[in-house]
Amino acid sequence: MTQYGLTHVIPLAVFAVGLVVVVLLGRRHASYDGPTRFSRAWAVLIPLATVPFQLVDLAFNFDLGVTLPLHLCDLAWIAATWALWTHRPLPVTLTFFWGLTLTVQGVVTPSLNEDLPHPRYFAFWALHLLIVLAAVYLVVGLRLVPRWRDYRSAVAVTLVWAAGAYAFNLAADTNYGYLMRKPGRSLLDLLGPWPWYVVEEIAIVLTVWALMTLGARRWLRRTG
């Protein structure tokens, strides 16, 4: 797929419209006590929209370097499903952080070799759009703002994933999480060479997450 070609611009347009829709819906649902039917229907939609494509990919297009569910986005959809179903702080925080700093990079600068009508194209966009929109719905719409203890828990979970993905990459000569080398074109190009870009990325991400938590807490206090 060509970045900012037609098959990239169309998902971006869907994403832009979706942002407005989920914020408005979230504001309407914010007065409800606990998850709404809409939230739980969305929680069911995410695996329905992603798992079948992943199974097809595993069965017919298996590639050890890209097919296994070891990218952070593969965990992010599980966190988003959990968050939408329960509204619990940890999965909401993981969805917020992973969705709006890491998964969103796949929306803006996708690293995708396949184009329409390849199943991996549909799986990629379903996965990324549903996760990012869920993060916006939960935090901006419903105002389920992370606390500092949720920040610490999310950092710990992410570092455990990074250590596991790095160990697998070493053993299998893969590049899950882009921990071994940079993708074709991405924001990582602004950082230094390996392994320093990984260290820089971790430092930047943890700082940005802290600023997101601080900003969200202040926004919540102002808006009441």
C-alpha atoms as a PDB file:
ATOM      1  CA  MET A   1       0.000   0.000   0.000  1.00  0.00           C
ATOM      2  CA  THR A   2       1.281   3.477  -0.908  1.00  0.00           C
ATOM      3  CA  GLN A   3       1.276   5.925   1.982  1.00  0.00           C
ATOM      4  CA  TYR A   4      -1.227   8.725   1.284  1.00  0.00           C
ATOM      5  CA  GLY A   5      -2.408   7.011  -1.850  1.00  0.00           C
ATOM      6  CA  LEU A   6      -6.121   6.421  -2.376  1.00  0.00           C
ATOM      7  CA  THR A   7      -6.266   3.238  -0.295  1.00  0.00           C
ATOM      8  CA  HIS A   8      -4.633   5.117   2.594  1.00  0.00           C
ATOM      9  CA  VAL A   9      -6.673   8.322   2.269  1.00  0.00           C
ATOM     10  CA  ILE A  10      -9.994   6.429   2.428  1.00  0.00           C
ATOM     11  CA  PRO A  11      -9.275   4.919   5.887  1.00  0.00           C
ATOM     12  CA  LEU A  12      -8.001   8.327   7.036  1.00  0.00           C
ATOM     13  CA  ALA A  13     -11.328   9.886   6.018  1.00  0.00           C
ATOM     14  CA  VAL A  14     -13.233   7.162   7.867  1.00  0.00           C
ATOM     15  CA  PHE A  15     -11.007   7.814  10.874  1.00  0.00           C
ATOM     16  CA  ALA A  16     -11.656  11.579  10.852  1.00  0.00           C
ATOM     17  CA  VAL A  17     -15.428  11.111  10.731  1.00  0.00           C
ATOM     18  CA  GLY A  18     -15.233   8.392  13.360  1.00  0.00           C
ATOM     19  CA  LEU A  19     -13.436  10.684  15.811  1.00  0.00           C
ATOM     20  CA  VAL A  20     -16.328  13.139  15.805  1.00  0.00           C
ATOM     21  CA  VAL A  21     -18.933  10.386  16.088  1.00  0.00           C
ATOM     22  CA  VAL A  22     -17.335   8.577  19.032  1.00  0.00           C
ATOM     23  CA  VAL A  23     -16.779  11.776  21.014  1.00  0.00           C
ATOM     24  CA  LEU A  24     -20.434  12.782  20.587  1.00  0.00           C
ATOM     25  CA  LEU A  25     -21.633   9.293  21.501  1.00  0.00           C
ATOM     26  CA  GLY A  26     -19.313   9.172  24.484  1.00  0.00           C
ATOM     27  CA  ARG A  27     -20.661  12.459  25.805  1.00  0.00           C
ATOM     28  CA  ARG A  28     -24.205  11.105  25.518  1.00  0.00           C
ATOM     29  CA  HIS A  29     -23.255   7.876  27.313  1.00  0.00           C
ATOM     30  CA  ALA A  30     -21.154   9.507  30.063  1.00  0.00           C
ATOM     31  CA  SER A  31     -24.131   9.767  32.428  1.00  0.00           C
ATOM     32  CA  TYR A  32     -24.767   5.998  32.354  1.00  0.00           C
ATOM     33  CA  ASP A  33     -23.573   3.903  35.287  1.00  0.00           C
ATOM     34  CA  GLY A  34     -21.176   1.353  33.805  1.00  0.00           C
ATOM     35  CA  PRO A  35     -20.793   0.002  30.277  1.00  0.00           C
ATOM     36  CA  THR A  36     -23.677   0.637  27.889  1.00  0.00           C
ATOM     37  CA  ARG A  37     -25.053  -1.761  25.312  1.00  0.00           C
ATOM     38  CA  PHE A  38     -23.232   0.272  22.675  1.00  0.00           C
ATOM     39  CA  SER A  39     -19.916  -0.087  24.487  1.00  0.00           C
ATOM     40  CA  ARG A  40     -20.320  -3.836  24.873  1.00  0.00           C
ATOM     41  CA  ALA A  41     -21.482  -4.250  21.276  1.00  0.00           C
ATOM     42  CA  TRP A  42     -18.299  -2.453  20.203  1.00  0.00           C
ATOM     43  CA  ALA A  43     -16.295  -4.747  22.477  1.00  0.00           C
ATOM     44  CA  VAL A  44     -17.727  -7.741  20.613  1.00  0.00           C
ATOM     45  CA  LEU A  45     -17.221  -6.074  17.216  1.00  0.00           C
ATOM     46  CA  ILE A  46     -13.460  -5.709  17.663  1.00  0.00           C
ATOM     47  CA  PRO A  47     -12.631  -9.449  17.807  1.00  0.00           C
ATOM     48  CA  LEU A  48     -15.309 -10.167  15.198  1.00  0.00           C
ATOM     49  CA  ALA A  49     -13.638  -7.705  12.844  1.00  0.00           C
ATOM     50  CA  THR A  50     -10.042  -8.700  13.529  1.00  0.00           C
ATOM     51  CA  VAL A  51      -9.800 -12.369  14.537  1.00  0.00           C
ATOM     52  CA  PRO A  52     -11.242 -13.880  11.304  1.00  0.00           C
ATOM     53  CA  PHE A  53      -8.753 -11.936   9.166  1.00  0.00           C
ATOM     54  CA  GLN A  54      -5.927 -12.973  11.470  1.00  0.00           C
ATOM     55  CA  LEU A  55      -6.979 -16.624  11.212  1.00  0.00           C
ATOM     56  CA  VAL A  56      -7.060 -16.379   7.404  1.00  0.00           C
ATOM     57  CA  ASP A  57      -3.630 -14.790   7.522  1.00  0.00           C
ATOM     58  CA  LEU A  58      -2.287 -17.571   9.736  1.00  0.00           C
ATOM     59  CA  ALA A  59      -3.788 -20.286   7.558  1.00  0.00           C
ATOM     60  CA  PHE A  60      -3.031 -18.989   4.072  1.00  0.00           C
ATOM     61  CA  ASN A  61      -0.472 -16.182   4.295  1.00  0.00           C
ATOM     62  CA  PHE A  62       1.757 -17.268   7.164  1.00  0.00           C
ATOM     63  CA  ASP A  63       5.010 -15.388   7.504  1.00  0.00           C
ATOM     64  CA  LEU A  64       6.935 -15.835  10.744  1.00  0.00           C
ATOM     65  CA  GLY A  65       8.133 -12.248  10.637  1.00  0.00           C
ATOM     66  CA  VAL A  66       4.734 -10.544  10.407  1.00  0.00           C
ATOM     67  CA  THR A  67       1.856 -12.952  11.032  1.00  0.00           C
ATOM     68  CA  LEU A  68       2.200 -13.867  14.705  1.00  0.00           C
ATOM     69  CA  PRO A  69       0.194 -11.663  17.116  1.00  0.00           C
ATOM     70  CA  LEU A  70       3.251 -10.186  18.802  1.00  0.00           C
ATOM     71  CA  HIS A  71       3.041  -6.535  17.797  1.00  0.00           C
ATOM     72  CA  LEU A  72       1.718  -4.240  20.492  1.00  0.00           C
ATOM     73  CA  CYS A  73      -1.353  -3.577  18.338  1.00  0.00           C
ATOM     74  CA  ASP A  74      -2.200  -7.276  18.697  1.00  0.00           C
ATOM     75  CA  LEU A  75      -2.389  -6.747  22.452  1.00  0.00           C
ATOM     76  CA  ALA A  76      -4.036  -3.353  22.086  1.00  0.00           C
ATOM     77  CA  TRP A  77      -7.180  -4.816  20.531  1.00  0.00           C
ATOM     78  CA  ILE A  78      -7.482  -7.180  23.509  1.00  0.00           C
ATOM     79  CA  ALA A  79      -7.067  -4.235  25.885  1.00  0.00           C
ATOM     80  CA  ALA A  80      -9.642  -2.224  23.915  1.00  0.00           C
ATOM     81  CA  THR A  81     -12.134  -5.108  23.993  1.00  0.00           C
ATOM     82  CA  TRP A  82     -11.613  -5.530  27.734  1.00  0.00           C
ATOM     83  CA  ALA A  83     -11.911  -1.790  28.319  1.00  0.00           C
ATOM     84  CA  LEU A  84     -15.115  -1.376  26.302  1.00  0.00           C
ATOM     85  CA  TRP A  85     -16.735  -4.363  28.007  1.00  0.00           C
ATOM     86  CA  THR A  86     -15.792  -3.492  31.597  1.00  0.00           C
ATOM     87  CA  HIS A  87     -14.657   0.180  31.725  1.00  0.00           C
ATOM     88  CA  ARG A  88     -12.004  -0.921  34.229  1.00  0.00           C
ATOM     89  CA  PRO A  89      -9.092   1.501  34.772  1.00  0.00           C
ATOM     90  CA  LEU A  90      -6.168  -0.688  33.610  1.00  0.00           C
ATOM     91  CA  PRO A  91      -7.533  -1.732  30.193  1.00  0.00           C
ATOM     92  CA  VAL A  92      -8.887   1.794  29.627  1.00  0.00           C
ATOM     93  CA  THR A  93      -5.429   3.218  30.382  1.00  0.00           C
ATOM     94  CA  LEU A  94      -3.677   0.682  28.142  1.00  0.00           C
ATOM     95  CA  THR A  95      -6.100   1.469  25.320  1.00  0.00           C
ATOM     96  CA  PHE A  96      -5.586   5.207  25.851  1.00  0.00           C
ATOM     97  CA  PHE A  97      -1.785   5.028  25.872  1.00  0.00           C
ATOM     98  CA  TRP A  98      -1.261   2.303  23.271  1.00  0.00           C
ATOM     99  CA  GLY A  99      -3.990   3.616  21.012  1.00  0.00           C
ATOM    100  CA  LEU A 100      -3.119   7.307  20.963  1.00  0.00           C
ATOM    101  CA  THR A 101       0.684   7.059  20.843  1.00  0.00           C
ATOM    102  CA  LEU A 102       1.618   3.731  19.232  1.00  0.00           C
ATOM    103  CA  THR A 103      -1.352   2.344  17.304  1.00  0.00           C
ATOM    104  CA  VAL A 104      -2.126   5.764  15.839  1.00  0.00           C
ATOM    105  CA  GLN A 105       1.298   5.731  14.156  1.00  0.00           C
ATOM    106  CA  GLY A 106       0.003   2.853  12.050  1.00  0.00           C
ATOM    107  CA  VAL A 107      -2.891   5.046  10.969  1.00  0.00           C
ATOM    108  CA  VAL A 108      -0.736   8.039  10.034  1.00  0.00           C
ATOM    109  CA  THR A 109       2.321   6.210   8.657  1.00  0.00           C
ATOM    110  CA  PRO A 110       1.246   2.602   7.988  1.00  0.00           C
ATOM    111  CA  SER A 111       3.916  -0.013   7.346  1.00  0.00           C
ATOM    112  CA  LEU A 112       1.826  -2.326   5.166  1.00  0.00           C
ATOM    113  CA  ASN A 113       3.065  -4.210   2.116  1.00  0.00           C
ATOM    114  CA  GLU A 114      -0.401  -5.421   1.059  1.00  0.00           C
ATOM    115  CA  ASP A 115      -3.146  -3.401  -0.617  1.00  0.00           C
ATOM    116  CA  LEU A 116      -6.758  -3.982  -1.617  1.00  0.00           C
ATOM    117  CA  PRO A 117      -8.161  -6.627  -1.757  1.00  0.00           C
ATOM    118  CA  HIS A 118      -5.644  -8.551   0.364  1.00  0.00           C
ATOM    119  CA  PRO A 119      -7.070  -9.823   3.709  1.00  0.00           C
ATOM    120  CA  ARG A 120      -4.131  -8.310   5.587  1.00  0.00           C
ATOM    121  CA  TYR A 121      -5.182  -4.842   4.355  1.00  0.00           C
ATOM    122  CA  PHE A 122      -8.634  -5.196   5.915  1.00  0.00           C
ATOM    123  CA  ALA A 123      -7.227  -6.744   9.095  1.00  0.00           C
ATOM    124  CA  PHE A 124      -4.719  -3.912   9.459  1.00  0.00           C
ATOM    125  CA  TRP A 125      -7.255  -1.112   9.160  1.00  0.00           C
ATOM    126  CA  ALA A 126      -9.956  -2.782  11.233  1.00  0.00           C
ATOM    127  CA  LEU A 127      -7.433  -3.359  14.007  1.00  0.00           C
ATOM    128  CA  HIS A 128      -5.924   0.127  14.024  1.00  0.00           C
ATOM    129  CA  LEU A 129      -9.062   2.227  13.550  1.00  0.00           C
ATOM    130  CA  LEU A 130     -11.175   0.377  16.108  1.00  0.00           C
ATOM    131  CA  ILE A 131      -8.443   0.633  18.764  1.00  0.00           C
ATOM    132  CA  VAL A 132      -7.755   4.349  18.328  1.00  0.00           C
ATOM    133  CA  LEU A 133     -11.445   5.243  18.164  1.00  0.00           C
ATOM    134  CA  ALA A 134     -12.072   3.175  21.294  1.00  0.00           C
ATOM    135  CA  ALA A 135      -9.404   5.164  23.145  1.00  0.00           C
ATOM    136  CA  VAL A 136     -11.038   8.445  22.166  1.00  0.00           C
ATOM    137  CA  TYR A 137     -14.527   7.183  23.056  1.00  0.00           C
ATOM    138  CA  LEU A 138     -13.474   5.959  26.487  1.00  0.00           C
ATOM    139  CA  VAL A 139     -11.326   8.864  27.632  1.00  0.00           C
ATOM    140  CA  VAL A 140     -12.519  11.931  25.713  1.00  0.00           C
ATOM    141  CA  GLY A 141     -16.139  10.843  25.361  1.00  0.00           C
ATOM    142  CA  LEU A 142     -16.830   8.989  28.608  1.00  0.00           C
ATOM    143  CA  ARG A 143     -14.124  10.855  30.570  1.00  0.00           C
ATOM    144  CA  LEU A 144     -12.628   7.672  32.023  1.00  0.00           C
ATOM    145  CA  VAL A 145      -9.357   9.464  32.692  1.00  0.00           C
ATOM    146  CA  PRO A 146      -6.311   7.462  33.871  1.00  0.00           C
ATOM    147  CA  ARG A 147      -4.896   7.961  37.354  1.00  0.00           C
ATOM    148  CA  TRP A 148      -1.188   7.980  38.163  1.00  0.00           C
ATOM    149  CA  ARG A 149      -1.320   4.448  39.541  1.00  0.00           C
ATOM    150  CA  ASP A 150      -2.890   3.376  36.225  1.00  0.00           C
ATOM    151  CA  TYR A 151       0.025   5.064  34.445  1.00  0.00           C
ATOM    152  CA  ARG A 152       2.517   3.028  36.478  1.00  0.00           C
ATOM    153  CA  SER A 153       0.636  -0.203  35.808  1.00  0.00           C
ATOM    154  CA  ALA A 154       0.505   0.506  32.069  1.00  0.00           C
ATOM    155  CA  VAL A 155       4.245   1.208  31.976  1.00  0.00           C
ATOM    156  CA  ALA A 156       4.967  -2.090  33.743  1.00  0.00           C
ATOM    157  CA  VAL A 157       2.747  -4.092  31.359  1.00  0.00           C
ATOM    158  CA  THR A 158       4.359  -2.443  28.324  1.00  0.00           C
ATOM    159  CA  LEU A 159       7.908  -3.114  29.504  1.00  0.00           C
ATOM    160  CA  VAL A 160       7.046  -6.788  30.091  1.00  0.00           C
ATOM    161  CA  TRP A 161       5.715  -6.984  26.511  1.00  0.00           C
ATOM    162  CA  ALA A 162       8.851  -5.271  25.148  1.00  0.00           C
ATOM    163  CA  ALA A 163      11.147  -7.715  26.947  1.00  0.00           C
ATOM    164  CA  GLY A 164       9.167 -10.716  25.659  1.00  0.00           C
ATOM    165  CA  ALA A 165       8.991  -9.411  22.075  1.00  0.00           C
ATOM    166  CA  TYR A 166      12.716  -8.628  22.074  1.00  0.00           C
ATOM    167  CA  ALA A 167      13.576 -12.131  23.317  1.00  0.00           C
ATOM    168  CA  PHE A 168      11.421 -13.684  20.564  1.00  0.00           C
ATOM    169  CA  ASN A 169      12.993 -11.430  17.941  1.00  0.00           C
ATOM    170  CA  LEU A 170      16.458 -12.565  18.976  1.00  0.00           C
ATOM    171  CA  ALA A 171      15.491 -16.227  18.861  1.00  0.00           C
ATOM    172  CA  ALA A 172      13.505 -16.118  15.597  1.00  0.00           C
ATOM    173  CA  ASP A 173      15.297 -13.295  13.730  1.00  0.00           C
ATOM    174  CA  THR A 174      12.081 -11.252  13.481  1.00  0.00           C
ATOM    175  CA  ASN A 175      11.240  -7.602  14.101  1.00  0.00           C
ATOM    176  CA  TYR A 176       8.048  -7.523  16.172  1.00  0.00           C
ATOM    177  CA  GLY A 177       7.514  -4.150  17.795  1.00  0.00           C
ATOM    178  CA  TYR A 178      10.213  -2.801  15.448  1.00  0.00           C
ATOM    179  CA  LEU A 179      12.646  -3.430  18.272  1.00  0.00           C
ATOM    180  CA  MET A 180      15.405  -4.725  15.969  1.00  0.00           C
ATOM    181  CA  ARG A 181      15.168  -2.324  13.016  1.00  0.00           C
ATOM    182  CA  LYS A 182      12.970   0.502  11.817  1.00  0.00           C
ATOM    183  CA  PRO A 183      10.037  -0.012   9.440  1.00  0.00           C
ATOM    184  CA  GLY A 184      10.175   1.469   5.946  1.00  0.00           C
ATOM    185  CA  ARG A 185       8.876   4.971   6.683  1.00  0.00           C
ATOM    186  CA  SER A 186       7.796   6.077  10.140  1.00  0.00           C
ATOM    187  CA  LEU A 187       8.351   8.581  12.913  1.00  0.00           C
ATOM    188  CA  LEU A 188      11.214   6.360  14.095  1.00  0.00           C
ATOM    189  CA  ASP A 189      13.235   7.747  11.186  1.00  0.00           C
ATOM    190  CA  LEU A 190      13.645  10.912  13.264  1.00  0.00           C
ATOM    191  CA  LEU A 191      15.548   8.964  15.930  1.00  0.00           C
ATOM    192  CA  GLY A 192      19.050   7.536  15.975  1.00  0.00           C
ATOM    193  CA  PRO A 193      20.299   4.135  14.782  1.00  0.00           C
ATOM    194  CA  TRP A 194      19.623   0.817  16.532  1.00  0.00           C
ATOM    195  CA  PRO A 195      19.721   0.200  19.465  1.00  0.00           C
ATOM    196  CA  TRP A 196      19.589   3.850  20.493  1.00  0.00           C
ATOM    197  CA  TYR A 197      16.302   4.551  18.755  1.00  0.00           C
ATOM    198  CA  VAL A 198      14.666   1.879  20.950  1.00  0.00           C
ATOM    199  CA  VAL A 199      15.974   3.550  24.121  1.00  0.00           C
ATOM    200  CA  GLU A 200      14.943   6.969  22.807  1.00  0.00           C
ATOM    201  CA  GLU A 201      11.509   5.663  21.854  1.00  0.00           C
ATOM    202  CA  ILE A 202      10.923   4.200  25.327  1.00  0.00           C
ATOM    203  CA  ALA A 203      11.994   7.437  27.006  1.00  0.00           C
ATOM    204  CA  ILE A 204       9.811   9.531  24.691  1.00  0.00           C
ATOM    205  CA  VAL A 205       6.795   7.254  25.086  1.00  0.00           C
ATOM    206  CA  LEU A 206       6.971   7.177  28.874  1.00  0.00           C
ATOM    207  CA  THR A 207       7.338  10.964  28.974  1.00  0.00           C
ATOM    208  CA  VAL A 208       4.434  11.477  26.587  1.00  0.00           C
ATOM    209  CA  TRP A 209       2.257   9.086  28.602  1.00  0.00           C
ATOM    210  CA  ALA A 210       3.057  11.039  31.767  1.00  0.00           C
ATOM    211  CA  LEU A 211       2.131  14.298  30.020  1.00  0.00           C
ATOM    212  CA  MET A 212      -1.063  12.702  28.695  1.00  0.00           C
ATOM    213  CA  THR A 213      -1.993  11.631  32.227  1.00  0.00           C
ATOM    214  CA  LEU A 214      -1.217  15.065  33.627  1.00  0.00           C
ATOM    215  CA  GLY A 215      -3.142  16.817  30.870  1.00  0.00           C
ATOM    216  CA  ALA A 216      -6.123  14.487  31.107  1.00  0.00           C
ATOM    217  CA  ARG A 217      -6.326  14.872  34.890  1.00  0.00           C
ATOM    218  CA  ARG A 218      -6.271  18.664  34.579  1.00  0.00           C
ATOM    219  CA  TRP A 219      -8.845  18.593  31.782  1.00  0.00           C
ATOM    220  CA  LEU A 220     -11.123  16.433  33.932  1.00  0.00           C
ATOM    221  CA  ARG A 221     -10.904  18.854  36.853  1.00  0.00           C
ATOM    222  CA  ARG A 222     -11.700  21.829  34.608  1.00  0.00           C
ATOM    223  CA  THR A 223     -14.654  20.202  32.918  1.00  0.00           C
ATOM    224  CA  GLY A 224     -16.017  18.827  36.176  1.00  0.00           C
END
